[in-house]
Amino acid sequence: MYQPAITGHGVFTPSQIITNDELVVAFNAYVDLWNTEHAAEIEAGTAKAMAHSSADFIFSASGIEQRFVMDKEGVLDPTRMFPRLAPRSDDQPAIMAEMGVDAAQKAMVMSGREGKDVDLIICAASNHERAYPAIAIEIQELLGAQGFAFDMNVACSSATFGIQAAADMVRSGSVRCALVICPEICSGHLEWRDRDCHFIFGDVATAVLIERSEDAQGARFDIKSTRCATKFSNNIRNNNGYLRRNHDQMEDRRDMQFMQNGRKVFKEVLPMVSAHILEHMGSEDWQATDLKRLWLHQANKTMNDFIGKKVLGRVPEQGEQPNILQDYANTSSAGSIIAFSKHSDDLTPGDRGVICSFGAGYSVGSVLVERQG
């Protein structure tokens, strides 16, 4: 048996940003258009007027201040409110593959690896571009990697589930070097015209490189333990599943995009996640006092504050539970890895932390890591 370790990580960040103020201007313009178009039904009482949003509402509800997106113009068009992602020919790289390759190359540079050194690629994401061929296999081809590759979808928990799968294979010896890549085009699955959720998501891609600890060429995070759990719930769902490139070419069904019952999710998921982390730590004889850092799924600041307090037994101090929501918004499976990538370099040998993601399913995954080297 071998000790798996994270030796590299990388983040692809789109160049386009939508601030809360910009989003609110576009959304409120759409609301005014809709209310005018349906004025007769509203007056007759057969339809309810839509309400404006505000930057203050968005921030107080989520802690989000902006989000990165692959296409800003389409989202901010009040007559559209949906990204314009041009279809690509079959001989062009997929959008998710391009994003994933960028993040993967950064992770490989950090670990001192090249494509030929990698013998497993897992594309772990909520929002896949197509059913097949697997995006992971396309990334494998673009990177010149060896071995095999496959896609995985466990919604927002995809990253930690992917890390467990890769770490288990490294530990057993069936692979030597693996990439877990999370390209998320959440903007293509979000209903930007729904006041309750139009502000939640952003686009991004992350990658972590996992290999035998003995092969590490520099500092690393040994993966001491992983644990995953699921319990079925309909409170977060997307009945379409694959990337919608053209909003106008599809039946306008609300349930074909991201939907959630936020109050039920908050009530049911938080105890599940807190108990999961504590039980996982307990099984490895880890105490709250052992933790230097919590890298949590970036869904909602209030949710993360609640989990951090439950796990640590107190309010987290500055830096113990980093949030990247204010800059990236919710990026589904990639959120906890962005937090890890941007807030881990300051740790020293022996420092311990937990990477945890949770979401639809319900699902929750946790990874206990310890800095080495």
Foldseek 3Di string as FASTA:
>chain_A
DFWKWWQFKFKFFAPDKDFQVLLQVLLVVLLVVVCVVCVVCCVVVNDPRDDGAHQVNVCVFFVAGMATANADVQCSHSVHNAGADDDDDPVDQDPLLVQQLVGVVRRCVRQVHAQQQAAEEEAFEAEAADDDDASRVVNSVVRVHHHDYHYHYPWLQRQQVVVVVVSVCQVVVVTFKYKYKYWFNQRQQDDLNDNVPNRFAHTMMMMTMMGGPVSGPDKIKTFPDKDKDFDADPQWAAVQRHGDNGPVVDDPDPSNGIHGPVVVCLVPVLVVQLVVVQVVCVVVVHALVLAQAEQEQRGGPVSQQSSVCSRNVHGDDPLRYDHPCHPHGGRRNCRSVVCCVVRPPPDDASHKYKRWTADHSGMIMITIIGIDD
